[in-house]
Amino acid sequence: MVRKKLNRKEMIFIFFCTCIFVLILTFYIWHLIESIRVGYDASSLTIELQELKERVEKLETQKAKLLALERVERIAEEKLNLEKPRKEQIFHFAEKSISDGKSL
């Protein structure tokens, strides 16, 4: 079998076609790798979001426990030596109507 020699134009055409094929293949592989990386990033962010939601829930529970009225009263009485007010220490003020144009 006799092989035909390629002329200069044919060689340049084959070279450019090969370059274009390699560029397209490289872009395709890069695109697939980036898609996988974005998937992993999204997965890790979803896990992190779930952990943060759980932490917020725990902190809200802790906040409610720390601000419980019974606990605050106990601390006020035991640590700060505060007492509940006697009846003569409590004053009630009548609220004036704002529509009268008078100040409170």
PDB file of N, CA and C in Angstrom:
ATOM      1  N   MET A   1       0.844  -1.164   0.000  1.00  0.00           N
ATOM      2  CA  MET A   1       0.000   0.000   0.000  1.00  0.00           C
ATOM      3  C   MET A   1       0.897   1.237   0.000  1.00  0.00           C
ATOM      4  N   VAL A   2       0.571   2.105  -0.879  1.00  0.00           N
ATOM      5  CA  VAL A   2       1.353   3.327  -1.033  1.00  0.00           C
ATOM      6  C   VAL A   2       0.619   4.441  -0.303  1.00  0.00           C
ATOM      7  N   ARG A   3       1.385   5.139   0.518  1.00  0.00           N
ATOM      8  CA  ARG A   3       0.801   6.218   1.299  1.00  0.00           C
ATOM      9  C   ARG A   3       0.998   7.526   0.564  1.00  0.00           C
ATOM     10  N   LYS A   4      -0.075   8.287   0.505  1.00  0.00           N
ATOM     11  CA  LYS A   4      -0.033   9.563  -0.182  1.00  0.00           C
ATOM     12  C   LYS A   4       0.535  10.616   0.757  1.00  0.00           C
ATOM     13  N   LYS A   5       1.418  11.432   0.267  1.00  0.00           N
ATOM     14  CA  LYS A   5       1.977  12.511   1.076  1.00  0.00           C
ATOM     15  C   LYS A   5       0.966  13.636   1.181  1.00  0.00           C
ATOM     16  N   LEU A   6       0.913  14.223   2.377  1.00  0.00           N
ATOM     17  CA  LEU A   6       0.003  15.347   2.585  1.00  0.00           C
ATOM     18  C   LEU A   6       0.707  16.643   2.207  1.00  0.00           C
ATOM     19  N   ASN A   7      -0.031  17.483   1.554  1.00  0.00           N
ATOM     20  CA  ASN A   7       0.580  18.773   1.234  1.00  0.00           C
ATOM     21  C   ASN A   7       0.449  19.717   2.438  1.00  0.00           C
ATOM     22  N   ARG A   8       1.027  20.866   2.321  1.00  0.00           N
ATOM     23  CA  ARG A   8       1.100  21.820   3.428  1.00  0.00           C
ATOM     24  C   ARG A   8      -0.295  22.258   3.920  1.00  0.00           C
ATOM     25  N   LYS A   9      -1.233  22.536   3.031  1.00  0.00           N
ATOM     26  CA  LYS A   9      -2.585  22.969   3.405  1.00  0.00           C
ATOM     27  C   LYS A   9      -3.290  21.878   4.214  1.00  0.00           C
ATOM     28  N   GLU A  10      -3.183  20.662   3.780  1.00  0.00           N
ATOM     29  CA  GLU A  10      -3.829  19.552   4.478  1.00  0.00           C
ATOM     30  C   GLU A  10      -3.244  19.365   5.872  1.00  0.00           C
ATOM     31  N   MET A  11      -1.947  19.501   5.991  1.00  0.00           N
ATOM     32  CA  MET A  11      -1.295  19.357   7.300  1.00  0.00           C
ATOM     33  C   MET A  11      -1.751  20.469   8.258  1.00  0.00           C
ATOM     34  N   ILE A  12      -1.827  21.701   7.752  1.00  0.00           N
ATOM     35  CA  ILE A  12      -2.280  22.824   8.587  1.00  0.00           C
ATOM     36  C   ILE A  12      -3.736  22.613   9.000  1.00  0.00           C
ATOM     37  N   PHE A  13      -4.560  22.138   8.078  1.00  0.00           N
ATOM     38  CA  PHE A  13      -5.970  21.880   8.372  1.00  0.00           C
ATOM     39  C   PHE A  13      -6.103  20.804   9.466  1.00  0.00           C
ATOM     40  N   ILE A  14      -5.365  19.714   9.330  1.00  0.00           N
ATOM     41  CA  ILE A  14      -5.393  18.640  10.331  1.00  0.00           C
ATOM     42  C   ILE A  14      -4.895  19.159  11.685  1.00  0.00           C
ATOM     43  N   PHE A  15      -3.853  19.981  11.673  1.00  0.00           N
ATOM     44  CA  PHE A  15      -3.322  20.545  12.912  1.00  0.00           C
ATOM     45  C   PHE A  15      -4.370  21.414  13.603  1.00  0.00           C
ATOM     46  N   PHE A  16      -5.019  22.296  12.873  1.00  0.00           N
ATOM     47  CA  PHE A  16      -6.031  23.164  13.473  1.00  0.00           C
ATOM     48  C   PHE A  16      -7.249  22.376  13.943  1.00  0.00           C
ATOM     49  N   CYS A  17      -7.651  21.382  13.195  1.00  0.00           N
ATOM     50  CA  CYS A  17      -8.767  20.538  13.630  1.00  0.00           C
ATOM     51  C   CYS A  17      -8.417  19.804  14.928  1.00  0.00           C
ATOM     52  N   THR A  18      -7.187  19.307  15.007  1.00  0.00           N
ATOM     53  CA  THR A  18      -6.735  18.631  16.223  1.00  0.00           C
ATOM     54  C   THR A  18      -6.702  19.599  17.399  1.00  0.00           C
ATOM     55  N   CYS A  19      -6.205  20.814  17.163  1.00  0.00           N
ATOM     56  CA  CYS A  19      -6.163  21.829  18.235  1.00  0.00           C
ATOM     57  C   CYS A  19      -7.565  22.174  18.726  1.00  0.00           C
ATOM     58  N   ILE A  20      -8.469  22.356  17.794  1.00  0.00           N
ATOM     59  CA  ILE A  20      -9.853  22.676  18.177  1.00  0.00           C
ATOM     60  C   ILE A  20     -10.466  21.521  18.956  1.00  0.00           C
ATOM     61  N   PHE A  21     -10.235  20.285  18.527  1.00  0.00           N
ATOM     62  CA  PHE A  21     -10.748  19.118  19.235  1.00  0.00           C
ATOM     63  C   PHE A  21     -10.189  19.059  20.658  1.00  0.00           C
ATOM     64  N   VAL A  22      -8.885  19.286  20.796  1.00  0.00           N
ATOM     65  CA  VAL A  22      -8.245  19.258  22.126  1.00  0.00           C
ATOM     66  C   VAL A  22      -8.816  20.367  23.003  1.00  0.00           C
ATOM     67  N   LEU A  23      -9.020  21.570  22.444  1.00  0.00           N
ATOM     68  CA  LEU A  23      -9.600  22.667  23.225  1.00  0.00           C
ATOM     69  C   LEU A  23     -11.012  22.341  23.691  1.00  0.00           C
ATOM     70  N   ILE A  24     -11.824  21.794  22.803  1.00  0.00           N
ATOM     71  CA  ILE A  24     -13.198  21.429  23.175  1.00  0.00           C
ATOM     72  C   ILE A  24     -13.187  20.344  24.235  1.00  0.00           C
ATOM     73  N   LEU A  25     -12.343  19.345  24.074  1.00  0.00           N
ATOM     74  CA  LEU A  25     -12.240  18.267  25.049  1.00  0.00           C
ATOM     75  C   LEU A  25     -11.767  18.801  26.403  1.00  0.00           C
ATOM     76  N   THR A  26     -10.791  19.692  26.385  1.00  0.00           N
ATOM     77  CA  THR A  26     -10.285  20.289  27.627  1.00  0.00           C
ATOM     78  C   THR A  26     -11.384  21.088  28.322  1.00  0.00           C
ATOM     79  N   PHE A  27     -12.121  21.888  27.574  1.00  0.00           N
ATOM     80  CA  PHE A  27     -13.210  22.666  28.154  1.00  0.00           C
ATOM     81  C   PHE A  27     -14.279  21.751  28.748  1.00  0.00           C
ATOM     82  N   TYR A  28     -14.614  20.678  28.042  1.00  0.00           N
ATOM     83  CA  TYR A  28     -15.620  19.732  28.517  1.00  0.00           C
ATOM     84  C   TYR A  28     -15.185  19.088  29.838  1.00  0.00           C
ATOM     85  N   ILE A  29     -13.954  18.651  29.912  1.00  0.00           N
ATOM     86  CA  ILE A  29     -13.438  18.028  31.141  1.00  0.00           C
ATOM     87  C   ILE A  29     -13.411  19.049  32.279  1.00  0.00           C
ATOM     88  N   TRP A  30     -12.978  20.278  31.985  1.00  0.00           N
ATOM     89  CA  TRP A  30     -12.958  21.333  33.008  1.00  0.00           C
ATOM     90  C   TRP A  30     -14.372  21.590  33.524  1.00  0.00           C
ATOM     91  N   HIS A  31     -15.339  21.625  32.604  1.00  0.00           N
ATOM     92  CA  HIS A  31     -16.727  21.862  32.983  1.00  0.00           C
ATOM     93  C   HIS A  31     -17.239  20.752  33.907  1.00  0.00           C
ATOM     94  N   LEU A  32     -16.930  19.511  33.582  1.00  0.00           N
ATOM     95  CA  LEU A  32     -17.357  18.392  34.436  1.00  0.00           C
ATOM     96  C   LEU A  32     -16.718  18.478  35.817  1.00  0.00           C
ATOM     97  N   ILE A  33     -15.440  18.792  35.863  1.00  0.00           N
ATOM     98  CA  ILE A  33     -14.741  18.897  37.149  1.00  0.00           C
ATOM     99  C   ILE A  33     -15.342  20.027  37.989  1.00  0.00           C
ATOM    100  N   GLU A  34     -15.632  21.161  37.370  1.00  0.00           N
ATOM    101  CA  GLU A  34     -16.233  22.284  38.092  1.00  0.00           C
ATOM    102  C   GLU A  34     -17.628  21.937  38.594  1.00  0.00           C
ATOM    103  N   SER A  35     -18.392  21.198  37.805  1.00  0.00           N
ATOM    104  CA  SER A  35     -19.730  20.776  38.227  1.00  0.00           C
ATOM    105  C   SER A  35     -19.642  19.883  39.465  1.00  0.00           C
ATOM    106  N   ILE A  36     -18.696  18.980  39.465  1.00  0.00           N
ATOM    107  CA  ILE A  36     -18.505  18.102  40.622  1.00  0.00           C
ATOM    108  C   ILE A  36     -18.074  18.912  41.836  1.00  0.00           C
ATOM    109  N   ARG A  37     -17.150  19.861  41.645  1.00  0.00           N
ATOM    110  CA  ARG A  37     -16.683  20.691  42.754  1.00  0.00           C
ATOM    111  C   ARG A  37     -17.824  21.526  43.346  1.00  0.00           C
ATOM    112  N   VAL A  38     -18.650  22.090  42.474  1.00  0.00           N
ATOM    113  CA  VAL A  38     -19.786  22.889  42.957  1.00  0.00           C
ATOM    114  C   VAL A  38     -20.758  21.996  43.729  1.00  0.00           C
ATOM    115  N   GLY A  39     -20.943  20.775  43.267  1.00  0.00           N
ATOM    116  CA  GLY A  39     -21.802  19.836  43.994  1.00  0.00           C
ATOM    117  C   GLY A  39     -21.266  19.538  45.381  1.00  0.00           C
ATOM    118  N   TYR A  40     -19.969  19.309  45.487  1.00  0.00           N
ATOM    119  CA  TYR A  40     -19.372  19.071  46.797  1.00  0.00           C
ATOM    120  C   TYR A  40     -19.494  20.310  47.685  1.00  0.00           C
ATOM    121  N   ASP A  41     -19.265  21.493  47.125  1.00  0.00           N
ATOM    122  CA  ASP A  41     -19.395  22.726  47.899  1.00  0.00           C
ATOM    123  C   ASP A  41     -20.822  22.907  48.401  1.00  0.00           C
ATOM    124  N   ALA A  42     -21.789  22.646  47.545  1.00  0.00           N
ATOM    125  CA  ALA A  42     -23.192  22.778  47.948  1.00  0.00           C
ATOM    126  C   ALA A  42     -23.524  21.782  49.050  1.00  0.00           C
ATOM    127  N   SER A  43     -23.009  20.583  48.934  1.00  0.00           N
ATOM    128  CA  SER A  43     -23.250  19.562  49.947  1.00  0.00           C
ATOM    129  C   SER A  43     -22.652  19.970  51.288  1.00  0.00           C
ATOM    130  N   SER A  44     -21.425  20.464  51.272  1.00  0.00           N
ATOM    131  CA  SER A  44     -20.792  20.866  52.532  1.00  0.00           C
ATOM    132  C   SER A  44     -21.491  22.088  53.124  1.00  0.00           C
ATOM    133  N   LEU A  45     -21.969  22.996  52.285  1.00  0.00           N
ATOM    134  CA  LEU A  45     -22.699  24.158  52.796  1.00  0.00           C
ATOM    135  C   LEU A  45     -24.050  23.748  53.386  1.00  0.00           C
ATOM    136  N   THR A  46     -24.686  22.752  52.791  1.00  0.00           N
ATOM    137  CA  THR A  46     -25.945  22.254  53.341  1.00  0.00           C
ATOM    138  C   THR A  46     -25.718  21.652  54.720  1.00  0.00           C
ATOM    139  N   ILE A  47     -24.647  20.893  54.863  1.00  0.00           N
ATOM    140  CA  ILE A  47     -24.318  20.296  56.165  1.00  0.00           C
ATOM    141  C   ILE A  47     -24.012  21.397  57.176  1.00  0.00           C
ATOM    142  N   GLU A  48     -23.231  22.390  56.768  1.00  0.00           N
ATOM    143  CA  GLU A  48     -22.894  23.497  57.667  1.00  0.00           C
ATOM    144  C   GLU A  48     -24.141  24.269  58.069  1.00  0.00           C
ATOM    145  N   LEU A  49     -25.066  24.488  57.141  1.00  0.00           N
ATOM    146  CA  LEU A  49     -26.308  25.191  57.445  1.00  0.00           C
ATOM    147  C   LEU A  49     -27.118  24.417  58.473  1.00  0.00           C
ATOM    148  N   GLN A  50     -27.205  23.108  58.311  1.00  0.00           N
ATOM    149  CA  GLN A  50     -27.937  22.276  59.266  1.00  0.00           C
ATOM    150  C   GLN A  50     -27.295  22.357  60.651  1.00  0.00           C
ATOM    151  N   GLU A  51     -25.960  22.318  60.711  1.00  0.00           N
ATOM    152  CA  GLU A  51     -25.274  22.425  61.996  1.00  0.00           C
ATOM    153  C   GLU A  51     -25.532  23.781  62.645  1.00  0.00           C
ATOM    154  N   LEU A  52     -25.543  24.841  61.848  1.00  0.00           N
ATOM    155  CA  LEU A  52     -25.807  26.175  62.391  1.00  0.00           C
ATOM    156  C   LEU A  52     -27.246  26.300  62.890  1.00  0.00           C
ATOM    157  N   LYS A  53     -28.190  25.688  62.183  1.00  0.00           N
ATOM    158  CA  LYS A  53     -29.582  25.707  62.642  1.00  0.00           C
ATOM    159  C   LYS A  53     -29.720  24.989  63.980  1.00  0.00           C
ATOM    160  N   GLU A  54     -29.036  23.867  64.113  1.00  0.00           N
ATOM    161  CA  GLU A  54     -29.071  23.128  65.375  1.00  0.00           C
ATOM    162  C   GLU A  54     -28.442  23.957  66.496  1.00  0.00           C
ATOM    163  N   ARG A  55     -27.356  24.650  66.184  1.00  0.00           N
ATOM    164  CA  ARG A  55     -26.689  25.486  67.193  1.00  0.00           C
ATOM    165  C   ARG A  55     -27.596  26.641  67.620  1.00  0.00           C
ATOM    166  N   VAL A  56     -28.277  27.257  66.661  1.00  0.00           N
ATOM    167  CA  VAL A  56     -29.205  28.352  66.982  1.00  0.00           C
ATOM    168  C   VAL A  56     -30.322  27.837  67.876  1.00  0.00           C
ATOM    169  N   GLU A  57     -30.836  26.653  67.557  1.00  0.00           N
ATOM    170  CA  GLU A  57     -31.899  26.071  68.372  1.00  0.00           C
ATOM    171  C   GLU A  57     -31.421  25.819  69.805  1.00  0.00           C
ATOM    172  N   LYS A  58     -30.194  25.293  69.944  1.00  0.00           N
ATOM    173  CA  LYS A  58     -29.647  25.058  71.285  1.00  0.00           C
ATOM    174  C   LYS A  58     -29.450  26.377  72.038  1.00  0.00           C
ATOM    175  N   LEU A  59     -28.962  27.396  71.327  1.00  0.00           N
ATOM    176  CA  LEU A  59     -28.755  28.690  71.976  1.00  0.00           C
ATOM    177  C   LEU A  59     -30.076  29.337  72.388  1.00  0.00           C
ATOM    178  N   GLU A  60     -31.111  29.179  71.568  1.00  0.00           N
ATOM    179  CA  GLU A  60     -32.417  29.725  71.937  1.00  0.00           C
ATOM    180  C   GLU A  60     -32.981  29.007  73.159  1.00  0.00           C
ATOM    181  N   THR A  61     -32.768  27.698  73.220  1.00  0.00           N
ATOM    182  CA  THR A  61     -33.208  26.932  74.392  1.00  0.00           C
ATOM    183  C   THR A  61     -32.452  27.391  75.634  1.00  0.00           C
ATOM    184  N   GLN A  62     -31.145  27.583  75.493  1.00  0.00           N
ATOM    185  CA  GLN A  62     -30.323  28.050  76.608  1.00  0.00           C
ATOM    186  C   GLN A  62     -30.754  29.452  77.035  1.00  0.00           C
ATOM    187  N   LYS A  63     -31.049  30.317  76.084  1.00  0.00           N
ATOM    188  CA  LYS A  63     -31.505  31.681  76.389  1.00  0.00           C
ATOM    189  C   LYS A  63     -32.814  31.648  77.165  1.00  0.00           C
ATOM    190  N   ALA A  64     -33.755  30.816  76.708  1.00  0.00           N
ATOM    191  CA  ALA A  64     -35.046  30.713  77.402  1.00  0.00           C
ATOM    192  C   ALA A  64     -34.849  30.203  78.822  1.00  0.00           C
ATOM    193  N   LYS A  65     -33.926  29.252  78.992  1.00  0.00           N
ATOM    194  CA  LYS A  65     -33.661  28.707  80.325  1.00  0.00           C
ATOM    195  C   LYS A  65     -33.030  29.767  81.231  1.00  0.00           C
ATOM    196  N   LEU A  66     -32.101  30.542  80.673  1.00  0.00           N
ATOM    197  CA  LEU A  66     -31.433  31.564  81.484  1.00  0.00           C
ATOM    198  C   LEU A  66     -32.350  32.737  81.832  1.00  0.00           C
ATOM    199  N   LEU A  67     -33.319  33.018  80.983  1.00  0.00           N
ATOM    200  CA  LEU A  67     -34.222  34.146  81.220  1.00  0.00           C
ATOM    201  C   LEU A  67     -35.528  33.734  81.895  1.00  0.00           C
ATOM    202  N   ALA A  68     -35.603  32.491  82.341  1.00  0.00           N
ATOM    203  CA  ALA A  68     -36.818  32.020  83.017  1.00  0.00           C
ATOM    204  C   ALA A  68     -37.059  32.872  84.266  1.00  0.00           C
ATOM    205  N   LEU A  69     -38.317  33.257  84.460  1.00  0.00           N
ATOM    206  CA  LEU A  69     -38.672  34.158  85.560  1.00  0.00           C
ATOM    207  C   LEU A  69     -38.293  33.571  86.922  1.00  0.00           C
ATOM    208  N   GLU A  70     -38.493  32.285  87.099  1.00  0.00           N
ATOM    209  CA  GLU A  70     -38.157  31.654  88.394  1.00  0.00           C
ATOM    210  C   GLU A  70     -36.657  31.774  88.671  1.00  0.00           C
ATOM    211  N   ARG A  71     -35.851  31.563  87.647  1.00  0.00           N
ATOM    212  CA  ARG A  71     -34.393  31.653  87.810  1.00  0.00           C
ATOM    213  C   ARG A  71     -33.971  33.081  88.128  1.00  0.00           C
ATOM    214  N   VAL A  72     -34.543  34.044  87.418  1.00  0.00           N
ATOM    215  CA  VAL A  72     -34.195  35.447  87.657  1.00  0.00           C
ATOM    216  C   VAL A  72     -34.597  35.855  89.075  1.00  0.00           C
ATOM    217  N   GLU A  73     -35.791  35.443  89.509  1.00  0.00           N
ATOM    218  CA  GLU A  73     -36.230  35.768  90.874  1.00  0.00           C
ATOM    219  C   GLU A  73     -35.311  35.125  91.915  1.00  0.00           C
ATOM    220  N   ARG A  74     -34.931  33.883  91.687  1.00  0.00           N
ATOM    221  CA  ARG A  74     -34.057  33.186  92.637  1.00  0.00           C
ATOM    222  C   ARG A  74     -32.702  33.884  92.742  1.00  0.00           C
ATOM    223  N   ILE A  75     -32.132  34.275  91.595  1.00  0.00           N
ATOM    224  CA  ILE A  75     -30.845  34.981  91.602  1.00  0.00           C
ATOM    225  C   ILE A  75     -30.988  36.328  92.298  1.00  0.00           C
ATOM    226  N   ALA A  76     -32.090  37.019  92.035  1.00  0.00           N
ATOM    227  CA  ALA A  76     -32.303  38.327  92.662  1.00  0.00           C
ATOM    228  C   ALA A  76     -32.399  38.189  94.175  1.00  0.00           C
ATOM    229  N   GLU A  77     -33.061  37.165  94.642  1.00  0.00           N
ATOM    230  CA  GLU A  77     -33.223  36.982  96.090  1.00  0.00           C
ATOM    231  C   GLU A  77     -31.952  36.441  96.748  1.00  0.00           C
ATOM    232  N   GLU A  78     -31.331  35.430  96.134  1.00  0.00           N
ATOM    233  CA  GLU A  78     -30.198  34.770  96.776  1.00  0.00           C
ATOM    234  C   GLU A  78     -28.883  35.538  96.612  1.00  0.00           C
ATOM    235  N   LYS A  79     -28.571  35.934  95.407  1.00  0.00           N
ATOM    236  CA  LYS A  79     -27.259  36.543  95.157  1.00  0.00           C
ATOM    237  C   LYS A  79     -27.262  38.053  95.344  1.00  0.00           C
ATOM    238  N   LEU A  80     -28.366  38.710  94.997  1.00  0.00           N
ATOM    239  CA  LEU A  80     -28.404  40.170  95.074  1.00  0.00           C
ATOM    240  C   LEU A  80     -29.127  40.677  96.318  1.00  0.00           C
ATOM    241  N   ASN A  81     -29.634  39.739  97.109  1.00  0.00           N
ATOM    242  CA  ASN A  81     -30.339  40.073  98.358  1.00  0.00           C
ATOM    243  C   ASN A  81     -31.491  41.046  98.130  1.00  0.00           C
ATOM    244  N   LEU A  82     -32.199  40.876  97.059  1.00  0.00           N
ATOM    245  CA  LEU A  82     -33.369  41.701  96.797  1.00  0.00           C
ATOM    246  C   LEU A  82     -34.599  41.029  97.380  1.00  0.00           C
ATOM    247  N   GLU A  83     -35.580  41.826  97.755  1.00  0.00           N
ATOM    248  CA  GLU A  83     -36.821  41.300  98.307  1.00  0.00           C
ATOM    249  C   GLU A  83     -37.978  41.746  97.443  1.00  0.00           C
ATOM    250  N   LYS A  84     -39.066  41.001  97.556  1.00  0.00           N
ATOM    251  CA  LYS A  84     -40.262  41.410  96.833  1.00  0.00           C
ATOM    252  C   LYS A  84     -40.801  42.666  97.513  1.00  0.00           C
ATOM    253  N   PRO A  85     -41.336  43.606  96.731  1.00  0.00           N
ATOM    254  CA  PRO A  85     -41.802  44.860  97.337  1.00  0.00           C
ATOM    255  C   PRO A  85     -43.041  44.638  98.213  1.00  0.00           C
ATOM    256  N   ARG A  86     -43.113  45.441  99.254  1.00  0.00           N
ATOM    257  CA  ARG A  86     -44.292  45.401 100.114  1.00  0.00           C
ATOM    258  C   ARG A  86     -45.393  46.221  99.452  1.00  0.00           C
ATOM    259  N   LYS A  87     -46.623  46.027  99.911  1.00  0.00           N
ATOM    260  CA  LYS A  87     -47.754  46.706  99.274  1.00  0.00           C
ATOM    261  C   LYS A  87     -47.632  48.221  99.349  1.00  0.00           C
ATOM    262  N   GLU A  88     -47.070  48.752 100.418  1.00  0.00           N
ATOM    263  CA  GLU A  88     -46.957  50.208 100.542  1.00  0.00           C
ATOM    264  C   GLU A  88     -45.868  50.785  99.641  1.00  0.00           C
ATOM    265  N   GLN A  89     -45.027  49.931  99.088  1.00  0.00           N
ATOM    266  CA  GLN A  89     -43.976  50.393  98.193  1.00  0.00           C
ATOM    267  C   GLN A  89     -44.421  50.445  96.735  1.00  0.00           C
ATOM    268  N   ILE A  90     -45.593  49.923  96.451  1.00  0.00           N
ATOM    269  CA  ILE A  90     -46.079  49.864  95.076  1.00  0.00           C
ATOM    270  C   ILE A  90     -47.010  51.040  94.829  1.00  0.00           C
ATOM    271  N   PHE A  91     -46.736  51.789  93.793  1.00  0.00           N
ATOM    272  CA  PHE A  91     -47.567  52.935  93.409  1.00  0.00           C
ATOM    273  C   PHE A  91     -48.165  52.664  92.032  1.00  0.00           C
ATOM    274  N   HIS A  92     -49.429  52.990  91.890  1.00  0.00           N
ATOM    275  CA  HIS A  92     -50.113  52.834  90.612  1.00  0.00           C
ATOM    276  C   HIS A  92     -50.439  54.223  90.083  1.00  0.00           C
ATOM    277  N   PHE A  93     -50.099  54.488  88.862  1.00  0.00           N
ATOM    278  CA  PHE A  93     -50.367  55.766  88.234  1.00  0.00           C
ATOM    279  C   PHE A  93     -51.439  55.576  87.170  1.00  0.00           C
ATOM    280  N   ALA A  94     -52.381  56.520  87.163  1.00  0.00           N
ATOM    281  CA  ALA A  94     -53.421  56.474  86.132  1.00  0.00           C
ATOM    282  C   ALA A  94     -52.849  57.079  84.864  1.00  0.00           C
ATOM    283  N   GLU A  95     -53.095  56.435  83.761  1.00  0.00           N
ATOM    284  CA  GLU A  95     -52.561  56.913  82.489  1.00  0.00           C
ATOM    285  C   GLU A  95     -53.547  57.912  81.889  1.00  0.00           C
ATOM    286  N   LYS A  96     -53.066  59.097  81.517  1.00  0.00           N
ATOM    287  CA  LYS A  96     -53.929  60.105  80.923  1.00  0.00           C
ATOM    288  C   LYS A  96     -54.058  59.787  79.433  1.00  0.00           C
ATOM    289  N   SER A  97     -55.151  60.189  78.892  1.00  0.00           N
ATOM    290  CA  SER A  97     -55.399  59.943  77.480  1.00  0.00           C
ATOM    291  C   SER A  97     -54.553  60.879  76.631  1.00  0.00           C
ATOM    292  N   ILE A  98     -53.997  60.360  75.580  1.00  0.00           N
ATOM    293  CA  ILE A  98     -53.157  61.156  74.680  1.00  0.00           C
ATOM    294  C   ILE A  98     -54.040  62.113  73.863  1.00  0.00           C
ATOM    295  N   SER A  99     -55.291  61.750  73.650  1.00  0.00           N
ATOM    296  CA  SER A  99     -56.186  62.585  72.842  1.00  0.00           C
ATOM    297  C   SER A  99     -56.545  63.892  73.547  1.00  0.00           C
ATOM    298  N   ASP A 100     -56.332  63.985  74.862  1.00  0.00           N
ATOM    299  CA  ASP A 100     -56.622  65.223  75.603  1.00  0.00           C
ATOM    300  C   ASP A 100     -55.620  66.310  75.234  1.00  0.00           C
ATOM    301  N   GLY A 101     -54.526  65.928  74.671  1.00  0.00           N
ATOM    302  CA  GLY A 101     -53.481  66.890  74.315  1.00  0.00           C
ATOM    303  C   GLY A 101     -52.596  67.228  75.488  1.00  0.00           C
ATOM    304  N   LYS A 102     -52.765  66.552  76.583  1.00  0.00           N
ATOM    305  CA  LYS A 102     -51.941  66.789  77.761  1.00  0.00           C
ATOM    306  C   LYS A 102     -50.827  65.742  77.821  1.00  0.00           C
ATOM    307  N   SER A 103     -49.741  66.126  78.426  1.00  0.00           N
ATOM    308  CA  SER A 103     -48.628  65.193  78.531  1.00  0.00           C
ATOM    309  C   SER A 103     -48.917  64.175  79.636  1.00  0.00           C
ATOM    310  N   LEU A 104     -48.221  63.086  79.585  1.00  0.00           N
ATOM    311  CA  LEU A 104     -48.399  62.021  80.577  1.00  0.00           C
ATOM    312  C   LEU A 104     -47.770  62.359  81.862  1.00  0.00           C
TER     313      LEU A 104
END
